[in-house]
Amino acid sequence: MLRYTLMRLGIFVGCLVVVWGLVYSGVAPRGLGDSNGMWIVLLALVISAPISFVVLRKERDRASVQIVQKVDRVKANLEANRSQEDDVADMADEATRAQGQTSS
């Protein structure tokens, strides 16, 4: 997951450098008024998103498999804890019933 995040960040930074160069060389528009910095960041985000979507497809699939495996492990652990709690509660109920039958 960290690898995917770093790769995505790298693509964004690359796009940011390219957009900054294009804006300051006059090829791309400078934005409106004082919005130059925000314009560059937003344009870099818009350009890097589809590039990341296409280029990082395999890495994204690997990351999603890891996340699914983690979620499945957590669900299994929760289910195991629930069944242990149920077993303890059942044993306590049986002990209470057995104690009630012997005292009557």
PDB file of N, CA and C in Angstrom:
ATOM      1  N   MET A   1       0.830  -1.193   0.000  1.00  0.00           N
ATOM      2  CA  MET A   1       0.000   0.000   0.000  1.00  0.00           C
ATOM      3  C   MET A   1       0.874   1.257   0.000  1.00  0.00           C
ATOM      4  N   LEU A   2       1.939   1.228   0.783  1.00  0.00           N
ATOM      5  CA  LEU A   2       2.838   2.370   0.836  1.00  0.00           C
ATOM      6  C   LEU A   2       3.505   2.582  -0.520  1.00  0.00           C
ATOM      7  N   ARG A   3       3.841   1.478  -1.173  1.00  0.00           N
ATOM      8  CA  ARG A   3       4.479   1.574  -2.487  1.00  0.00           C
ATOM      9  C   ARG A   3       3.559   2.278  -3.486  1.00  0.00           C
ATOM     10  N   TYR A   4       2.279   1.897  -3.492  1.00  0.00           N
ATOM     11  CA  TYR A   4       1.309   2.523  -4.395  1.00  0.00           C
ATOM     12  C   TYR A   4       1.186   4.016  -4.101  1.00  0.00           C
ATOM     13  N   THR A   5       1.111   4.351  -2.823  1.00  0.00           N
ATOM     14  CA  THR A   5       0.972   5.755  -2.431  1.00  0.00           C
ATOM     15  C   THR A   5       2.181   6.573  -2.881  1.00  0.00           C
ATOM     16  N   LEU A   6       3.375   6.011  -2.679  1.00  0.00           N
ATOM     17  CA  LEU A   6       4.583   6.730  -3.090  1.00  0.00           C
ATOM     18  C   LEU A   6       4.662   6.866  -4.612  1.00  0.00           C
ATOM     19  N   MET A   7       4.256   5.842  -5.336  1.00  0.00           N
ATOM     20  CA  MET A   7       4.267   5.920  -6.801  1.00  0.00           C
ATOM     21  C   MET A   7       3.277   6.975  -7.279  1.00  0.00           C
ATOM     22  N   ARG A   8       2.120   7.012  -6.653  1.00  0.00           N
ATOM     23  CA  ARG A   8       1.109   8.006  -7.031  1.00  0.00           C
ATOM     24  C   ARG A   8       1.604   9.418  -6.732  1.00  0.00           C
ATOM     25  N   LEU A   9       2.233   9.571  -5.582  1.00  0.00           N
ATOM     26  CA  LEU A   9       2.798  10.866  -5.217  1.00  0.00           C
ATOM     27  C   LEU A   9       3.892  11.276  -6.201  1.00  0.00           C
ATOM     28  N   GLY A  10       4.693  10.315  -6.629  1.00  0.00           N
ATOM     29  CA  GLY A  10       5.739  10.603  -7.605  1.00  0.00           C
ATOM     30  C   GLY A  10       5.172  11.087  -8.929  1.00  0.00           C
ATOM     31  N   ILE A  11       4.092  10.453  -9.379  1.00  0.00           N
ATOM     32  CA  ILE A  11       3.447  10.891 -10.620  1.00  0.00           C
ATOM     33  C   ILE A  11       2.902  12.309 -10.467  1.00  0.00           C
ATOM     34  N   PHE A  12       2.305  12.588  -9.297  1.00  0.00           N
ATOM     35  CA  PHE A  12       1.777  13.930  -9.064  1.00  0.00           C
ATOM     36  C   PHE A  12       2.902  14.971  -9.074  1.00  0.00           C
ATOM     37  N   VAL A  13       3.993  14.669  -8.396  1.00  0.00           N
ATOM     38  CA  VAL A  13       5.111  15.618  -8.340  1.00  0.00           C
ATOM     39  C   VAL A  13       5.681  15.845  -9.744  1.00  0.00           C
ATOM     40  N   GLY A  14       5.792  14.774 -10.532  1.00  0.00           N
ATOM     41  CA  GLY A  14       6.257  14.923 -11.909  1.00  0.00           C
ATOM     42  C   GLY A  14       5.339  15.824 -12.715  1.00  0.00           C
ATOM     43  N   CYS A  15       4.043  15.616 -12.579  1.00  0.00           N
ATOM     44  CA  CYS A  15       3.074  16.469 -13.284  1.00  0.00           C
ATOM     45  C   CYS A  15       3.146  17.911 -12.779  1.00  0.00           C
ATOM     46  N   LEU A  16       3.363  18.072 -11.489  1.00  0.00           N
ATOM     47  CA  LEU A  16       3.464  19.411 -10.915  1.00  0.00           C
ATOM     48  C   LEU A  16       4.652  20.159 -11.511  1.00  0.00           C
ATOM     49  N   VAL A  17       5.773  19.481 -11.641  1.00  0.00           N
ATOM     50  CA  VAL A  17       6.964  20.115 -12.215  1.00  0.00           C
ATOM     51  C   VAL A  17       6.720  20.485 -13.686  1.00  0.00           C
ATOM     52  N   VAL A  18       6.097  19.579 -14.432  1.00  0.00           N
ATOM     53  CA  VAL A  18       5.827  19.845 -15.846  1.00  0.00           C
ATOM     54  C   VAL A  18       4.856  21.013 -15.993  1.00  0.00           C
ATOM     55  N   VAL A  19       3.769  21.004 -15.217  1.00  0.00           N
ATOM     56  CA  VAL A  19       2.772  22.085 -15.301  1.00  0.00           C
ATOM     57  C   VAL A  19       3.413  23.409 -14.886  1.00  0.00           C
ATOM     58  N   TRP A  20       4.212  23.388 -13.822  1.00  0.00           N
ATOM     59  CA  TRP A  20       4.880  24.617 -13.387  1.00  0.00           C
ATOM     60  C   TRP A  20       5.759  25.176 -14.509  1.00  0.00           C
ATOM     61  N   GLY A  21       6.492  24.281 -15.147  1.00  0.00           N
ATOM     62  CA  GLY A  21       7.338  24.719 -16.263  1.00  0.00           C
ATOM     63  C   GLY A  21       6.525  25.290 -17.408  1.00  0.00           C
ATOM     64  N   LEU A  22       5.404  24.652 -17.738  1.00  0.00           N
ATOM     65  CA  LEU A  22       4.558  25.133 -18.833  1.00  0.00           C
ATOM     66  C   LEU A  22       3.922  26.481 -18.507  1.00  0.00           C
ATOM     67  N   VAL A  23       3.500  26.659 -17.256  1.00  0.00           N
ATOM     68  CA  VAL A  23       2.871  27.931 -16.867  1.00  0.00           C
ATOM     69  C   VAL A  23       3.894  29.062 -16.880  1.00  0.00           C
ATOM     70  N   TYR A  24       5.051  28.810 -16.336  1.00  0.00           N
ATOM     71  CA  TYR A  24       6.051  29.883 -16.275  1.00  0.00           C
ATOM     72  C   TYR A  24       6.733  30.164 -17.601  1.00  0.00           C
ATOM     73  N   SER A  25       6.631  29.205 -18.526  1.00  0.00           N
ATOM     74  CA  SER A  25       7.175  29.493 -19.860  1.00  0.00           C
ATOM     75  C   SER A  25       6.126  30.158 -20.750  1.00  0.00           C
ATOM     76  N   GLY A  26       4.883  30.217 -20.266  1.00  0.00           N
ATOM     77  CA  GLY A  26       3.827  30.891 -21.007  1.00  0.00           C
ATOM     78  C   GLY A  26       3.035  29.976 -21.928  1.00  0.00           C
ATOM     79  N   VAL A  27       3.351  28.695 -21.949  1.00  0.00           N
ATOM     80  CA  VAL A  27       2.618  27.761 -22.811  1.00  0.00           C
ATOM     81  C   VAL A  27       1.213  27.510 -22.260  1.00  0.00           C
ATOM     82  N   ALA A  28       1.097  27.356 -20.945  1.00  0.00           N
ATOM     83  CA  ALA A  28      -0.203  27.156 -20.300  1.00  0.00           C
ATOM     84  C   ALA A  28      -0.619  28.473 -19.645  1.00  0.00           C
ATOM     85  N   PRO A  29      -1.933  28.689 -19.503  1.00  0.00           N
ATOM     86  CA  PRO A  29      -2.396  29.950 -18.887  1.00  0.00           C
ATOM     87  C   PRO A  29      -1.980  30.041 -17.420  1.00  0.00           C
ATOM     88  N   ARG A  30      -1.811  31.270 -16.939  1.00  0.00           N
ATOM     89  CA  ARG A  30      -1.349  31.510 -15.572  1.00  0.00           C
ATOM     90  C   ARG A  30      -2.468  31.468 -14.536  1.00  0.00           C
ATOM     91  N   GLY A  31      -3.691  31.315 -14.903  1.00  0.00           N
ATOM     92  CA  GLY A  31      -4.797  31.326 -13.950  1.00  0.00           C
ATOM     93  C   GLY A  31      -5.407  32.707 -13.863  1.00  0.00           C
ATOM     94  N   LEU A  32      -6.288  32.902 -12.900  1.00  0.00           N
ATOM     95  CA  LEU A  32      -6.978  34.183 -12.737  1.00  0.00           C
ATOM     96  C   LEU A  32      -6.426  34.929 -11.534  1.00  0.00           C
ATOM     97  N   GLY A  33      -5.984  36.124 -11.720  1.00  0.00           N
ATOM     98  CA  GLY A  33      -5.515  36.968 -10.614  1.00  0.00           C
ATOM     99  C   GLY A  33      -4.368  36.335  -9.847  1.00  0.00           C
ATOM    100  N   ASP A  34      -4.588  36.189  -8.529  1.00  0.00           N
ATOM    101  CA  ASP A  34      -3.556  35.635  -7.646  1.00  0.00           C
ATOM    102  C   ASP A  34      -3.678  34.115  -7.483  1.00  0.00           C
ATOM    103  N   SER A  35      -4.418  33.457  -8.344  1.00  0.00           N
ATOM    104  CA  SER A  35      -4.659  32.019  -8.194  1.00  0.00           C
ATOM    105  C   SER A  35      -3.596  31.159  -8.860  1.00  0.00           C
ATOM    106  N   ASN A  36      -2.462  31.714  -9.188  1.00  0.00           N
ATOM    107  CA  ASN A  36      -1.446  31.000  -9.951  1.00  0.00           C
ATOM    108  C   ASN A  36      -1.007  29.699  -9.277  1.00  0.00           C
ATOM    109  N   GLY A  37      -0.665  29.742  -7.980  1.00  0.00           N
ATOM    110  CA  GLY A  37      -0.217  28.539  -7.267  1.00  0.00           C
ATOM    111  C   GLY A  37      -1.291  27.481  -7.213  1.00  0.00           C
ATOM    112  N   MET A  38      -2.502  27.899  -6.895  1.00  0.00           N
ATOM    113  CA  MET A  38      -3.619  26.952  -6.822  1.00  0.00           C
ATOM    114  C   MET A  38      -3.918  26.376  -8.200  1.00  0.00           C
ATOM    115  N   TRP A  39      -3.821  27.194  -9.221  1.00  0.00           N
ATOM    116  CA  TRP A  39      -4.051  26.748 -10.594  1.00  0.00           C
ATOM    117  C   TRP A  39      -3.066  25.645 -10.970  1.00  0.00           C
ATOM    118  N   ILE A  40      -1.817  25.837 -10.640  1.00  0.00           N
ATOM    119  CA  ILE A  40      -0.786  24.849 -10.975  1.00  0.00           C
ATOM    120  C   ILE A  40      -1.056  23.530 -10.257  1.00  0.00           C
ATOM    121  N   VAL A  41      -1.387  23.595  -8.970  1.00  0.00           N
ATOM    122  CA  VAL A  41      -1.655  22.378  -8.194  1.00  0.00           C
ATOM    123  C   VAL A  41      -2.885  21.655  -8.736  1.00  0.00           C
ATOM    124  N   LEU A  42      -3.963  22.387  -8.986  1.00  0.00           N
ATOM    125  CA  LEU A  42      -5.177  21.757  -9.499  1.00  0.00           C
ATOM    126  C   LEU A  42      -4.965  21.149 -10.877  1.00  0.00           C
ATOM    127  N   LEU A  43      -4.271  21.843 -11.732  1.00  0.00           N
ATOM    128  CA  LEU A  43      -3.992  21.313 -13.064  1.00  0.00           C
ATOM    129  C   LEU A  43      -3.136  20.059 -12.977  1.00  0.00           C
ATOM    130  N   ALA A  44      -2.155  20.054 -12.077  1.00  0.00           N
ATOM    131  CA  ALA A  44      -1.316  18.867 -11.882  1.00  0.00           C
ATOM    132  C   ALA A  44      -2.144  17.693 -11.360  1.00  0.00           C
ATOM    133  N   LEU A  45      -3.087  17.967 -10.445  1.00  0.00           N
ATOM    134  CA  LEU A  45      -3.967  16.906  -9.936  1.00  0.00           C
ATOM    135  C   LEU A  45      -4.832  16.325 -11.044  1.00  0.00           C
ATOM    136  N   VAL A  46      -5.401  17.195 -11.851  1.00  0.00           N
ATOM    137  CA  VAL A  46      -6.273  16.746 -12.942  1.00  0.00           C
ATOM    138  C   VAL A  46      -5.498  15.912 -13.968  1.00  0.00           C
ATOM    139  N   ILE A  47      -4.278  16.280 -14.222  1.00  0.00           N
ATOM    140  CA  ILE A  47      -3.474  15.540 -15.195  1.00  0.00           C
ATOM    141  C   ILE A  47      -2.946  14.232 -14.598  1.00  0.00           C
ATOM    142  N   SER A  48      -2.536  14.255 -13.327  1.00  0.00           N
ATOM    143  CA  SER A  48      -1.935  13.063 -12.728  1.00  0.00           C
ATOM    144  C   SER A  48      -2.949  11.969 -12.409  1.00  0.00           C
ATOM    145  N   ALA A  49      -4.209  12.327 -12.170  1.00  0.00           N
ATOM    146  CA  ALA A  49      -5.211  11.315 -11.813  1.00  0.00           C
ATOM    147  C   ALA A  49      -5.405  10.264 -12.906  1.00  0.00           C
ATOM    148  N   PRO A  50      -5.692  10.649 -14.161  1.00  0.00           N
ATOM    149  CA  PRO A  50      -5.857   9.603 -15.178  1.00  0.00           C
ATOM    150  C   PRO A  50      -4.552   8.865 -15.491  1.00  0.00           C
ATOM    151  N   ILE A  51      -3.425   9.559 -15.386  1.00  0.00           N
ATOM    152  CA  ILE A  51      -2.149   8.882 -15.610  1.00  0.00           C
ATOM    153  C   ILE A  51      -1.942   7.801 -14.550  1.00  0.00           C
ATOM    154  N   SER A  52      -2.200   8.131 -13.295  1.00  0.00           N
ATOM    155  CA  SER A  52      -2.075   7.151 -12.208  1.00  0.00           C
ATOM    156  C   SER A  52      -3.048   6.005 -12.397  1.00  0.00           C
ATOM    157  N   PHE A  53      -4.254   6.317 -12.832  1.00  0.00           N
ATOM    158  CA  PHE A  53      -5.277   5.291 -13.015  1.00  0.00           C
ATOM    159  C   PHE A  53      -4.823   4.247 -14.028  1.00  0.00           C
ATOM    160  N   VAL A  54      -4.202   4.680 -15.100  1.00  0.00           N
ATOM    161  CA  VAL A  54      -3.769   3.766 -16.161  1.00  0.00           C
ATOM    162  C   VAL A  54      -2.439   3.102 -15.818  1.00  0.00           C
ATOM    163  N   VAL A  55      -1.464   3.905 -15.418  1.00  0.00           N
ATOM    164  CA  VAL A  55      -0.109   3.390 -15.218  1.00  0.00           C
ATOM    165  C   VAL A  55      -0.003   2.496 -13.984  1.00  0.00           C
ATOM    166  N   LEU A  56      -0.721   2.806 -12.925  1.00  0.00           N
ATOM    167  CA  LEU A  56      -0.591   2.069 -11.671  1.00  0.00           C
ATOM    168  C   LEU A  56      -1.669   1.008 -11.469  1.00  0.00           C
ATOM    169  N   ARG A  57      -2.279   0.540 -12.544  1.00  0.00           N
ATOM    170  CA  ARG A  57      -3.363  -0.432 -12.423  1.00  0.00           C
ATOM    171  C   ARG A  57      -2.917  -1.699 -11.682  1.00  0.00           C
ATOM    172  N   LYS A  58      -1.788  -2.277 -12.065  1.00  0.00           N
ATOM    173  CA  LYS A  58      -1.324  -3.516 -11.425  1.00  0.00           C
ATOM    174  C   LYS A  58      -0.992  -3.287  -9.953  1.00  0.00           C
ATOM    175  N   GLU A  59      -0.346  -2.173  -9.674  1.00  0.00           N
ATOM    176  CA  GLU A  59       0.004  -1.874  -8.280  1.00  0.00           C
ATOM    177  C   GLU A  59      -1.253  -1.635  -7.444  1.00  0.00           C
ATOM    178  N   ARG A  60      -2.253  -0.981  -8.014  1.00  0.00           N
ATOM    179  CA  ARG A  60      -3.512  -0.746  -7.308  1.00  0.00           C
ATOM    180  C   ARG A  60      -4.214  -2.062  -7.021  1.00  0.00           C
ATOM    181  N   ASP A  61      -4.177  -2.996  -7.985  1.00  0.00           N
ATOM    182  CA  ASP A  61      -4.788  -4.311  -7.773  1.00  0.00           C
ATOM    183  C   ASP A  61      -4.079  -5.064  -6.645  1.00  0.00           C
ATOM    184  N   ARG A  62      -2.739  -4.981  -6.619  1.00  0.00           N
ATOM    185  CA  ARG A  62      -1.989  -5.622  -5.531  1.00  0.00           C
ATOM    186  C   ARG A  62      -2.362  -5.021  -4.177  1.00  0.00           C
ATOM    187  N   ALA A  63      -2.462  -3.707  -4.127  1.00  0.00           N
ATOM    188  CA  ALA A  63      -2.808  -3.029  -2.875  1.00  0.00           C
ATOM    189  C   ALA A  63      -4.210  -3.421  -2.428  1.00  0.00           C
ATOM    190  N   SER A  64      -5.134  -3.538  -3.374  1.00  0.00           N
ATOM    191  CA  SER A  64      -6.502  -3.892  -2.994  1.00  0.00           C
ATOM    192  C   SER A  64      -6.576  -5.332  -2.489  1.00  0.00           C
ATOM    193  N   VAL A  65      -5.770  -6.229  -3.055  1.00  0.00           N
ATOM    194  CA  VAL A  65      -5.731  -7.608  -2.565  1.00  0.00           C
ATOM    195  C   VAL A  65      -5.215  -7.629  -1.129  1.00  0.00           C
ATOM    196  N   GLN A  66      -4.195  -6.842  -0.840  1.00  0.00           N
ATOM    197  CA  GLN A  66      -3.664  -6.775   0.520  1.00  0.00           C
ATOM    198  C   GLN A  66      -4.711  -6.246   1.493  1.00  0.00           C
ATOM    199  N   ILE A  67      -5.458  -5.245   1.069  1.00  0.00           N
ATOM    200  CA  ILE A  67      -6.491  -4.675   1.943  1.00  0.00           C
ATOM    201  C   ILE A  67      -7.589  -5.703   2.201  1.00  0.00           C
ATOM    202  N   VAL A  68      -8.009  -6.419   1.165  1.00  0.00           N
ATOM    203  CA  VAL A  68      -9.053  -7.434   1.327  1.00  0.00           C
ATOM    204  C   VAL A  68      -8.577  -8.531   2.275  1.00  0.00           C
ATOM    205  N   GLN A  69      -7.324  -8.957   2.146  1.00  0.00           N
ATOM    206  CA  GLN A  69      -6.798  -9.985   3.041  1.00  0.00           C
ATOM    207  C   GLN A  69      -6.775  -9.499   4.485  1.00  0.00           C
ATOM    208  N   LYS A  70      -6.393  -8.238   4.699  1.00  0.00           N
ATOM    209  CA  LYS A  70      -6.387  -7.678   6.048  1.00  0.00           C
ATOM    210  C   LYS A  70      -7.792  -7.641   6.634  1.00  0.00           C
ATOM    211  N   VAL A  71      -8.751  -7.198   5.836  1.00  0.00           N
ATOM    212  CA  VAL A  71     -10.139  -7.117   6.304  1.00  0.00           C
ATOM    213  C   VAL A  71     -10.660  -8.510   6.632  1.00  0.00           C
ATOM    214  N   ASP A  72     -10.346  -9.496   5.806  1.00  0.00           N
ATOM    215  CA  ASP A  72     -10.790 -10.862   6.069  1.00  0.00           C
ATOM    216  C   ASP A  72     -10.188 -11.393   7.371  1.00  0.00           C
ATOM    217  N   ARG A  73      -8.900 -11.098   7.620  1.00  0.00           N
ATOM    218  CA  ARG A  73      -8.268 -11.535   8.869  1.00  0.00           C
ATOM    219  C   ARG A  73      -8.943 -10.897  10.074  1.00  0.00           C
ATOM    220  N   VAL A  74      -9.236  -9.609   9.971  1.00  0.00           N
ATOM    221  CA  VAL A  74      -9.886  -8.907  11.086  1.00  0.00           C
ATOM    222  C   VAL A  74     -11.276  -9.490  11.332  1.00  0.00           C
ATOM    223  N   LYS A  75     -12.020  -9.761  10.258  1.00  0.00           N
ATOM    224  CA  LYS A  75     -13.349 -10.367  10.415  1.00  0.00           C
ATOM    225  C   LYS A  75     -13.260 -11.734  11.074  1.00  0.00           C
ATOM    226  N   ALA A  76     -12.272 -12.536  10.665  1.00  0.00           N
ATOM    227  CA  ALA A  76     -12.098 -13.867  11.253  1.00  0.00           C
ATOM    228  C   ALA A  76     -11.750 -13.754  12.732  1.00  0.00           C
ATOM    229  N   ASN A  77     -10.885 -12.813  13.078  1.00  0.00           N
ATOM    230  CA  ASN A  77     -10.532 -12.617  14.489  1.00  0.00           C
ATOM    231  C   ASN A  77     -11.737 -12.172  15.306  1.00  0.00           C
ATOM    232  N   LEU A  78     -12.528 -11.272  14.755  1.00  0.00           N
ATOM    233  CA  LEU A  78     -13.737 -10.816  15.467  1.00  0.00           C
ATOM    234  C   LEU A  78     -14.711 -11.968  15.672  1.00  0.00           C
ATOM    235  N   GLU A  79     -14.875 -12.783  14.648  1.00  0.00           N
ATOM    236  CA  GLU A  79     -15.788 -13.929  14.751  1.00  0.00           C
ATOM    237  C   GLU A  79     -15.276 -14.926  15.792  1.00  0.00           C
ATOM    238  N   ALA A  80     -13.965 -15.142  15.816  1.00  0.00           N
ATOM    239  CA  ALA A  80     -13.389 -16.051  16.812  1.00  0.00           C
ATOM    240  C   ALA A  80     -13.604 -15.504  18.221  1.00  0.00           C
ATOM    241  N   ASN A  81     -13.439 -14.197  18.396  1.00  0.00           N
ATOM    242  CA  ASN A  81     -13.667 -13.597  19.713  1.00  0.00           C
ATOM    243  C   ASN A  81     -15.130 -13.696  20.117  1.00  0.00           C
ATOM    244  N   ARG A  82     -16.029 -13.483  19.165  1.00  0.00           N
ATOM    245  CA  ARG A  82     -17.462 -13.596  19.473  1.00  0.00           C
ATOM    246  C   ARG A  82     -17.813 -15.010  19.899  1.00  0.00           C
ATOM    247  N   SER A  83     -17.286 -16.000  19.188  1.00  0.00           N
ATOM    248  CA  SER A  83     -17.621 -17.388  19.530  1.00  0.00           C
ATOM    249  C   SER A  83     -17.036 -17.748  20.899  1.00  0.00           C
ATOM    250  N   GLN A  84     -15.860 -17.219  21.239  1.00  0.00           N
ATOM    251  CA  GLN A  84     -15.296 -17.464  22.565  1.00  0.00           C
ATOM    252  C   GLN A  84     -16.170 -16.840  23.639  1.00  0.00           C
ATOM    253  N   GLU A  85     -16.654 -15.616  23.401  1.00  0.00           N
ATOM    254  CA  GLU A  85     -17.527 -14.953  24.364  1.00  0.00           C
ATOM    255  C   GLU A  85     -18.831 -15.729  24.519  1.00  0.00           C
ATOM    256  N   ASP A  86     -19.366 -16.230  23.410  1.00  0.00           N
ATOM    257  CA  ASP A  86     -20.594 -17.018  23.468  1.00  0.00           C
ATOM    258  C   ASP A  86     -20.376 -18.296  24.264  1.00  0.00           C
ATOM    259  N   ASP A  87     -19.231 -18.955  24.065  1.00  0.00           N
ATOM    260  CA  ASP A  87     -18.928 -20.186  24.807  1.00  0.00           C
ATOM    261  C   ASP A  87     -18.830 -19.914  26.299  1.00  0.00           C
ATOM    262  N   VAL A  88     -18.186 -18.815  26.667  1.00  0.00           N
ATOM    263  CA  VAL A  88     -18.045 -18.457  28.076  1.00  0.00           C
ATOM    264  C   VAL A  88     -19.418 -18.144  28.670  1.00  0.00           C
ATOM    265  N   ALA A  89     -20.236 -17.420  27.929  1.00  0.00           N
ATOM    266  CA  ALA A  89     -21.575 -17.084  28.420  1.00  0.00           C
ATOM    267  C   ALA A  89     -22.422 -18.345  28.564  1.00  0.00           C
ATOM    268  N   ASP A  90     -22.333 -19.274  27.626  1.00  0.00           N
ATOM    269  CA  ASP A  90     -23.080 -20.531  27.712  1.00  0.00           C
ATOM    270  C   ASP A  90     -22.634 -21.341  28.924  1.00  0.00           C
ATOM    271  N   MET A  91     -21.321 -21.386  29.180  1.00  0.00           N
ATOM    272  CA  MET A  91     -20.819 -22.128  30.334  1.00  0.00           C
ATOM    273  C   MET A  91     -21.304 -21.496  31.631  1.00  0.00           C
ATOM    274  N   ALA A  92     -21.348 -20.174  31.671  1.00  0.00           N
ATOM    275  CA  ALA A  92     -21.824 -19.478  32.865  1.00  0.00           C
ATOM    276  C   ALA A  92     -23.305 -19.763  33.082  1.00  0.00           C
ATOM    277  N   ASP A  93     -24.098 -19.778  32.014  1.00  0.00           N
ATOM    278  CA  ASP A  93     -25.524 -20.097  32.126  1.00  0.00           C
ATOM    279  C   ASP A  93     -25.726 -21.518  32.628  1.00  0.00           C
ATOM    280  N   GLU A  94     -24.959 -22.456  32.094  1.00  0.00           N
ATOM    281  CA  GLU A  94     -25.068 -23.853  32.522  1.00  0.00           C
ATOM    282  C   GLU A  94     -24.676 -24.000  33.985  1.00  0.00           C
ATOM    283  N   ALA A  95     -23.647 -23.286  34.405  1.00  0.00           N
ATOM    284  CA  ALA A  95     -23.212 -23.355  35.800  1.00  0.00           C
ATOM    285  C   ALA A  95     -24.288 -22.781  36.711  1.00  0.00           C
ATOM    286  N   THR A  96     -24.935 -21.710  36.284  1.00  0.00           N
ATOM    287  CA  THR A  96     -25.994 -21.094  37.088  1.00  0.00           C
ATOM    288  C   THR A  96     -27.186 -22.038  37.198  1.00  0.00           C
ATOM    289  N   ARG A  97     -27.553 -22.695  36.073  1.00  0.00           N
ATOM    290  CA  ARG A  97     -28.670 -23.653  36.109  1.00  0.00           C
ATOM    291  C   ARG A  97     -28.341 -24.851  36.972  1.00  0.00           C
ATOM    292  N   ALA A  98     -27.110 -25.337  36.864  1.00  0.00           N
ATOM    293  CA  ALA A  98     -26.708 -26.510  37.659  1.00  0.00           C
ATOM    294  C   ALA A  98     -26.693 -26.153  39.136  1.00  0.00           C
ATOM    295  N   GLN A  99     -26.276 -24.954  39.454  1.00  0.00           N
ATOM    296  CA  GLN A  99     -26.234 -24.523  40.856  1.00  0.00           C
ATOM    297  C   GLN A  99     -27.656 -24.350  41.386  1.00  0.00           C
ATOM    298  N   GLY A 100     -28.544 -23.873  40.531  1.00  0.00           N
ATOM    299  CA  GLY A 100     -29.937 -23.702  40.940  1.00  0.00           C
ATOM    300  C   GLY A 100     -30.631 -25.036  41.144  1.00  0.00           C
ATOM    301  N   GLN A 101     -30.283 -26.045  40.377  1.00  0.00           N
ATOM    302  CA  GLN A 101     -30.892 -27.377  40.531  1.00  0.00           C
ATOM    303  C   GLN A 101     -30.384 -28.082  41.778  1.00  0.00           C
ATOM    304  N   THR A 102     -29.146 -27.894  42.153  1.00  0.00           N
ATOM    305  CA  THR A 102     -28.610 -28.539  43.343  1.00  0.00           C
ATOM    306  C   THR A 102     -29.095 -27.879  44.614  1.00  0.00           C
ATOM    307  N   SER A 103     -29.400 -26.618  44.595  1.00  0.00           N
ATOM    308  CA  SER A 103     -29.845 -25.935  45.809  1.00  0.00           C
ATOM    309  C   SER A 103     -31.336 -26.134  46.031  1.00  0.00           C
ATOM    310  N   SER A 104     -32.088 -26.624  45.035  1.00  0.00           N
ATOM    311  CA  SER A 104     -33.532 -26.822  45.244  1.00  0.00           C
ATOM    312  C   SER A 104     -33.862 -28.109  45.878  1.00  0.00           C
TER     313      SER A 104
END
